[in-house]
């Protein structure tokens, strides 16, 4: 390994150590750790934990993203993107950086049975909507000792979650089962695909097939997506879902409209798996229904082993 590579890897390992020490020693509000977590739990058994994650350059590398079962990418203000990472089979000790929730999250999360949603906050007008949604919201105000500020980057890109301090226990079952999807053999057909880029007005996500690792290696805005240890982040299956993105009734502090992504309806999709691209259709009859992915002749689309990335791509 080159001297530069050794230096970069050492820096990444140091960042992980700093996060672990900070998590052990401080609460999200700078207080000492507590043996119990404040609970906003409703008494229901949550099947999945969804965490809203920052996705601009100062927020990278992400922490714990590689262990998510499902990664959603959605458009937000100014044409940028944010991530909603869904965990069920496995929980990393730290996840982040955590950012604020959007109206789109509430509709897409209705596909799960009363999920737990971890987020940094939301617009004041959206907060009562979140409280009425069929989920368990866990922002820092409800679980202050589950969150902490990391010292390695500036706010707001340095808020992290310790999931063991919120009222959620991983089921050990992959979250894709909650969507009615399953892992299966590669379907016939498809076209060989080496790389696919999904573009947003001010962001992009690229997936490059690696036969050696049997994964689609992820790049964000043209830069390889890596863990804090320096390893490449990959996906077993990628779904590019064409959707309508419209203006909502909400705006950010700068006055930019918050886009709303329509996840109920139907449209075209592309499924990437095993180095091939498959034309598909998606349909979701109501907010309470799962999204169904099928081939043009009506066959169910099965997934490859590994994380599932779903990108909501604006219809152009």
Protein backbone atom coordinates (compact mmCIF):
# COMPACT_ATOMS: atom_id res chain seq x y z
CA UNK A 1 0.00 0.00 0.00
CA UNK A 2 1.30 3.52 -0.78
CA UNK A 3 2.25 5.97 1.94
CA UNK A 4 -0.81 8.06 1.07
CA UNK A 5 -3.05 4.99 1.31
CA UNK A 6 -1.62 4.09 4.72
CA UNK A 7 -2.15 7.65 5.90
CA UNK A 8 -5.80 7.73 4.68
CA UNK A 9 -6.60 4.39 6.26
CA UNK A 10 -5.02 5.45 9.54
CA UNK A 11 -7.08 8.63 9.52
CA UNK A 12 -10.27 6.66 8.90
CA UNK A 13 -9.50 4.25 11.73
CA UNK A 14 -8.79 7.19 14.04
CA UNK A 15 -12.20 8.68 13.16
CA UNK A 16 -13.90 5.40 14.07
CA UNK A 17 -12.05 5.34 17.41
CA UNK A 18 -13.05 8.93 18.14
CA UNK A 19 -16.70 8.13 17.42
CA UNK A 20 -16.64 5.09 19.67
CA UNK A 21 -15.01 6.97 22.56
CA UNK A 22 -17.40 9.90 22.16
CA UNK A 23 -20.39 7.55 22.08
CA UNK A 24 -19.27 5.89 25.28
CA UNK A 25 -18.55 9.09 27.18
CA UNK A 26 -21.14 11.69 26.20
CA UNK A 27 -24.85 12.03 25.58
CA UNK A 28 -26.42 13.80 22.64
CA UNK A 29 -26.80 16.89 24.82
CA UNK A 30 -23.31 16.64 26.31
CA UNK A 31 -24.56 14.86 29.43
CA UNK A 32 -23.25 11.68 30.96
CA UNK A 33 -24.58 8.37 29.61
CA UNK A 34 -27.65 6.83 31.20
CA UNK A 35 -28.36 3.17 31.80
CA UNK A 36 -31.84 3.55 30.37
CA UNK A 37 -33.14 5.43 27.36
CA UNK A 38 -36.08 7.84 27.38
CA UNK A 39 -38.79 6.00 25.49
CA UNK A 40 -41.38 7.31 23.08
CA UNK A 41 -42.41 3.77 22.27
CA UNK A 42 -46.12 3.20 21.70
CA UNK A 43 -46.18 -0.42 22.86
CA UNK A 44 -46.12 -1.80 19.31
CA UNK A 45 -43.30 -4.05 18.18
CA UNK A 46 -41.36 -2.17 15.51
CA UNK A 47 -40.05 -4.34 12.68
CA UNK A 48 -37.58 -1.86 11.20
CA UNK A 49 -35.52 1.15 12.17
CA UNK A 50 -35.35 3.90 9.55
CA UNK A 51 -32.67 6.59 9.93
CA UNK A 52 -32.61 9.81 7.91
CA UNK A 53 -29.02 10.37 6.78
CA UNK A 54 -27.21 13.37 5.33
CA UNK A 55 -25.85 12.96 1.80
CA UNK A 56 -23.71 15.95 0.89
CA UNK A 57 -19.92 15.91 0.65
CA UNK A 58 -19.23 17.24 4.20
CA UNK A 59 -21.32 14.35 5.60
CA UNK A 60 -19.15 11.65 4.04
CA UNK A 61 -17.96 9.04 4.70
CA UNK A 62 -21.18 7.73 6.20
CA UNK A 63 -21.14 5.69 9.38
CA UNK A 64 -23.06 2.40 9.49
CA UNK A 65 -24.68 2.83 6.07
CA UNK A 66 -23.08 -0.36 4.74
CA UNK A 67 -25.06 -2.45 7.26
CA UNK A 68 -28.50 -1.18 6.20
CA UNK A 69 -30.85 -3.72 4.61
CA UNK A 70 -32.45 -1.07 2.38
CA UNK A 71 -31.15 2.33 1.30
CA UNK A 72 -33.59 4.83 -0.20
CA UNK A 73 -32.31 7.88 -2.07
CA UNK A 74 -34.73 10.78 -2.48
CA UNK A 75 -34.58 14.32 -3.78
CA UNK A 76 -34.71 17.22 -1.33
CA UNK A 77 -34.31 20.99 -1.55
CA UNK A 78 -32.03 22.60 -4.13
CA UNK A 79 -31.92 19.38 -6.16
CA UNK A 80 -29.77 17.59 -3.57
CA UNK A 81 -30.47 14.13 -2.14
CA UNK A 82 -30.81 12.53 1.27
CA UNK A 83 -30.84 8.92 2.35
CA UNK A 84 -33.35 6.94 4.36
CA UNK A 85 -31.54 3.82 5.60
CA UNK A 86 -33.65 0.92 6.89
CA UNK A 87 -32.25 -1.59 9.39
CA UNK A 88 -33.68 -4.84 10.69
CA UNK A 89 -31.28 -7.78 10.31
CA UNK A 90 -28.29 -6.00 11.82
CA UNK A 91 -27.58 -2.82 13.79
CA UNK A 92 -24.23 -1.03 13.76
CA UNK A 93 -23.17 0.68 17.01
CA UNK A 94 -23.25 4.14 15.40
CA UNK A 95 -25.26 5.50 12.44
CA UNK A 96 -25.02 8.88 10.79
CA UNK A 97 -24.76 11.72 10.19
CA UNK A 98 -28.47 12.04 11.05
CA UNK A 99 -30.53 14.82 9.46
CA UNK A 100 -34.11 16.04 9.38
CA UNK A 101 -37.17 14.18 8.13
CA UNK A 102 -39.27 15.07 5.10
CA UNK A 103 -42.92 14.55 4.14
CA UNK A 104 -41.87 11.95 1.55
CA UNK A 105 -40.49 9.73 4.33
CA UNK A 106 -43.90 9.38 5.94
CA UNK A 107 -45.58 7.98 2.83
CA UNK A 108 -42.82 5.58 1.84
CA UNK A 109 -42.51 4.26 5.41
CA UNK A 110 -46.17 3.21 5.47
CA UNK A 111 -45.02 0.11 3.61
CA UNK A 112 -43.61 -1.10 6.94
CA UNK A 113 -45.52 -2.13 10.06
CA UNK A 114 -45.15 0.79 12.50
CA UNK A 115 -41.45 1.52 11.92
CA UNK A 116 -39.19 3.49 14.23
CA UNK A 117 -37.94 6.69 12.58
CA UNK A 118 -34.74 8.35 13.85
CA UNK A 119 -34.18 11.90 12.59
CA UNK A 120 -32.65 15.15 13.80
CA UNK A 121 -35.84 17.20 13.62
CA UNK A 122 -38.22 18.68 11.07
CA UNK A 123 -39.96 21.89 10.09
CA UNK A 124 -42.33 23.04 12.81
CA UNK A 125 -45.37 22.58 10.55
CA UNK A 126 -44.31 19.03 9.70
CA UNK A 127 -43.76 17.88 13.30
CA UNK A 128 -47.48 17.35 14.10
CA UNK A 129 -47.85 15.44 10.82
CA UNK A 130 -45.01 13.15 11.91
CA UNK A 131 -46.65 12.67 15.33
CA UNK A 132 -49.88 11.55 13.64
CA UNK A 133 -48.13 9.16 11.25
CA UNK A 134 -48.22 5.37 11.88
CA UNK A 135 -44.66 5.19 13.16
CA UNK A 136 -42.59 5.74 16.30
CA UNK A 137 -40.65 9.02 15.93
CA UNK A 138 -37.38 9.20 17.88
CA UNK A 139 -35.67 12.59 17.41
CA UNK A 140 -33.05 13.82 19.90
CA UNK A 141 -35.74 15.57 21.95
CA UNK A 142 -37.29 12.18 22.79
CA UNK A 143 -34.05 10.23 23.21
CA UNK A 144 -31.30 12.77 23.97
CA UNK A 145 -28.79 10.19 25.21
CA UNK A 146 -29.10 8.20 21.98
CA UNK A 147 -27.54 11.04 19.96
CA UNK A 148 -24.16 12.74 20.10
CA UNK A 149 -22.13 15.27 18.14
CA UNK A 150 -18.92 13.93 16.63
CA UNK A 151 -15.80 16.14 16.83
CA UNK A 152 -14.47 15.31 13.37
CA UNK A 153 -16.71 17.59 11.27
CA UNK A 154 -18.82 20.73 11.70
CA UNK A 155 -22.53 20.89 12.50
CA UNK A 156 -25.01 20.06 11.09
CA UNK A 157 -23.07 17.18 9.53
CA UNK A 158 -21.91 15.62 12.81
CA UNK A 159 -24.99 14.25 14.60
CA UNK A 160 -24.85 10.50 15.20
CA UNK A 161 -27.22 7.89 16.58
CA UNK A 162 -26.44 5.07 19.02
CA UNK A 163 -29.31 2.71 18.09
CA UNK A 164 -28.89 0.55 21.21
CA UNK A 165 -30.17 3.53 23.23
CA UNK A 166 -33.56 3.77 21.55
CA UNK A 167 -36.49 1.39 22.10
CA UNK A 168 -35.72 -0.85 19.13
CA UNK A 169 -34.26 -4.34 18.82
CA UNK A 170 -33.13 -5.74 15.48
CA UNK A 171 -35.28 -8.68 14.42
CA UNK A 172 -32.49 -10.51 12.62
CA UNK A 173 -34.74 -10.71 9.54
CA UNK A 174 -33.86 -8.72 6.41
CA UNK A 175 -36.15 -5.69 6.07
CA UNK A 176 -36.87 -6.53 2.41
CA UNK A 177 -39.26 -9.20 3.67
CA UNK A 178 -41.44 -6.39 5.02
CA UNK A 179 -41.85 -5.16 1.43
CA UNK A 180 -43.00 -8.56 0.20
CA UNK A 181 -39.72 -9.05 -1.67
CA UNK A 182 -37.35 -11.98 -1.48
CA UNK A 183 -33.97 -13.16 -2.65
CA UNK A 184 -34.13 -15.50 -5.62
CA UNK A 185 -32.37 -16.78 -8.71
CA UNK A 186 -31.42 -14.36 -11.45
CA UNK A 187 -34.26 -14.07 -13.95
CA UNK A 188 -33.71 -14.82 -17.63
CA UNK A 189 -33.04 -12.00 -20.05
CA UNK A 190 -31.76 -8.62 -19.11
CA UNK A 191 -28.97 -6.67 -20.74
CA UNK A 192 -25.32 -6.64 -19.65
CA UNK A 193 -24.65 -3.51 -17.62
CA UNK A 194 -21.30 -2.23 -16.38
CA UNK A 195 -22.44 1.06 -14.90
CA UNK A 196 -25.59 3.09 -14.33
CA UNK A 197 -25.81 6.72 -13.16
CA UNK A 198 -28.96 8.26 -11.69
CA UNK A 199 -28.94 12.04 -11.91
CA UNK A 200 -30.74 14.62 -9.79
CA UNK A 201 -30.66 18.38 -10.41
CA UNK A 202 -27.66 18.86 -8.07
CA UNK A 203 -26.51 15.31 -7.28
CA UNK A 204 -25.80 11.93 -8.81
CA UNK A 205 -25.45 8.29 -7.75
CA UNK A 206 -23.46 5.81 -9.85
CA UNK A 207 -23.40 2.03 -9.57
CA UNK A 208 -20.51 0.11 -11.14
CA UNK A 209 -20.60 -3.67 -11.36
CA UNK A 210 -17.77 -5.54 -9.68
CA UNK A 211 -17.73 -9.20 -10.67
CA UNK A 212 -15.04 -9.92 -8.10
CA UNK A 213 -17.12 -8.73 -5.14
CA UNK A 214 -20.48 -9.53 -6.79
CA UNK A 215 -21.69 -6.08 -5.85
CA UNK A 216 -22.65 -2.80 -7.46
CA UNK A 217 -20.06 -0.39 -6.08
CA UNK A 218 -21.59 2.95 -5.14
CA UNK A 219 -20.28 6.40 -6.05
CA UNK A 220 -21.89 9.60 -4.78
CA UNK A 221 -21.50 12.76 -6.85
CA UNK A 222 -18.68 11.08 -8.75
CA UNK A 223 -16.66 10.01 -5.69
CA UNK A 224 -16.48 6.39 -4.46
CA UNK A 225 -18.74 5.87 -1.43
CA UNK A 226 -16.73 4.40 1.42
CA UNK A 227 -17.16 3.32 5.00
CA UNK A 228 -15.26 5.15 7.73
CA UNK A 229 -12.75 2.29 7.54
CA UNK A 230 -12.16 3.07 3.86
CA UNK A 231 -13.96 0.07 2.34
CA UNK A 232 -16.20 0.53 -0.71
CA UNK A 233 -19.96 0.52 -0.11
CA UNK A 234 -21.86 -1.83 -2.40
CA UNK A 235 -25.37 -3.01 -3.23
CA UNK A 236 -26.58 -6.47 -4.16
CA UNK A 237 -29.61 -5.12 -6.04
CA UNK A 238 -30.41 -1.63 -7.28
CA UNK A 239 -33.89 -0.45 -8.25
CA UNK A 240 -34.21 2.81 -10.16
CA UNK A 241 -37.85 3.80 -9.75
CA UNK A 242 -39.23 6.55 -12.03
CA UNK A 243 -41.52 8.78 -9.98
CA UNK A 244 -43.26 12.14 -10.06
CA UNK A 245 -41.61 14.78 -7.89
CA UNK A 246 -43.77 17.82 -7.16
CA UNK A 247 -43.71 20.85 -4.89
CA UNK A 248 -45.04 20.37 -1.38
CA UNK A 249 -46.53 22.83 1.11
CA UNK A 250 -43.23 23.02 2.99
CA UNK A 251 -40.07 25.10 2.57
CA UNK A 252 -36.65 25.08 4.21
CA UNK A 253 -35.12 27.97 6.17
CA UNK A 254 -33.72 29.47 2.97
CA UNK A 255 -37.14 29.51 1.34
CA UNK A 256 -36.47 26.57 -1.00
CA UNK A 257 -39.51 24.41 -1.62
CA UNK A 258 -39.29 20.90 -0.22
CA UNK A 259 -40.14 18.47 -3.04
CA UNK A 260 -42.58 15.65 -2.42
CA UNK A 261 -41.90 12.32 -4.12
CA UNK A 262 -45.01 10.41 -5.19
CA UNK A 263 -44.46 6.78 -4.14
CA UNK A 264 -48.09 5.72 -4.64
CA UNK A 265 -49.01 4.99 -8.26
CA UNK A 266 -47.16 3.15 -10.97
CA UNK A 267 -44.41 3.58 -13.51
CA UNK A 268 -41.27 2.24 -15.10
CA UNK A 269 -38.27 0.91 -13.23
CA UNK A 270 -34.88 -0.64 -13.91
CA UNK A 271 -33.55 -3.44 -11.73
CA UNK A 272 -29.79 -3.96 -11.61
CA UNK A 273 -28.47 -7.31 -10.35
CA UNK A 274 -25.70 -9.74 -11.25
CA UNK A 275 -24.18 -7.34 -13.77
CA UNK A 276 -27.37 -7.04 -15.79
CA UNK A 277 -30.19 -4.52 -16.19
CA UNK A 278 -33.83 -5.60 -16.29
CA UNK A 279 -36.70 -3.46 -17.47
CA UNK A 280 -39.49 -3.54 -14.90
CA UNK A 281 -42.68 -1.91 -13.70
CA UNK A 282 -43.55 -0.70 -10.23
CA UNK A 283 -47.01 -0.27 -8.75
CA UNK A 284 -48.36 0.71 -5.36
CA UNK A 285 -52.13 0.95 -5.10
CA UNK A 286 -52.31 2.94 -1.85
CA UNK A 287 -50.13 4.26 0.95
CA UNK A 288 -50.95 1.15 2.99
CA UNK A 289 -49.84 -1.20 0.20
CA UNK A 290 -46.42 -2.57 -0.65
CA UNK A 291 -44.67 -1.56 -3.85
CA UNK A 292 -44.73 -4.41 -6.35
CA UNK A 293 -41.89 -4.78 -8.85
CA UNK A 294 -42.53 -6.96 -11.88
CA UNK A 295 -41.12 -7.64 -15.34
CA UNK A 296 -43.07 -6.34 -18.36
CA UNK A 297 -44.65 -9.80 -18.79
CA UNK A 298 -45.85 -9.82 -15.17
CA UNK A 299 -43.23 -11.98 -13.45
CA UNK A 300 -42.11 -11.10 -9.94
CA UNK A 301 -38.68 -9.51 -9.63
CA UNK A 302 -36.47 -11.31 -7.09
CA UNK A 303 -33.39 -9.80 -5.48
CA UNK A 304 -29.75 -10.80 -5.31
CA UNK A 305 -28.04 -11.31 -1.96
CA UNK A 306 -26.89 -8.13 -0.31
CA UNK A 307 -28.20 -4.62 0.43
CA UNK A 308 -31.05 -3.23 -1.66
CA UNK A 309 -30.75 0.35 -2.91
CA UNK A 310 -33.93 2.03 -4.19
CA UNK A 311 -33.54 5.35 -5.96
CA UNK A 312 -36.52 7.59 -6.59
CA UNK A 313 -35.58 9.08 -9.95
CA UNK A 314 -37.61 12.11 -11.11
CA UNK A 315 -39.44 11.45 -14.33
CA UNK A 316 -37.83 13.54 -17.04
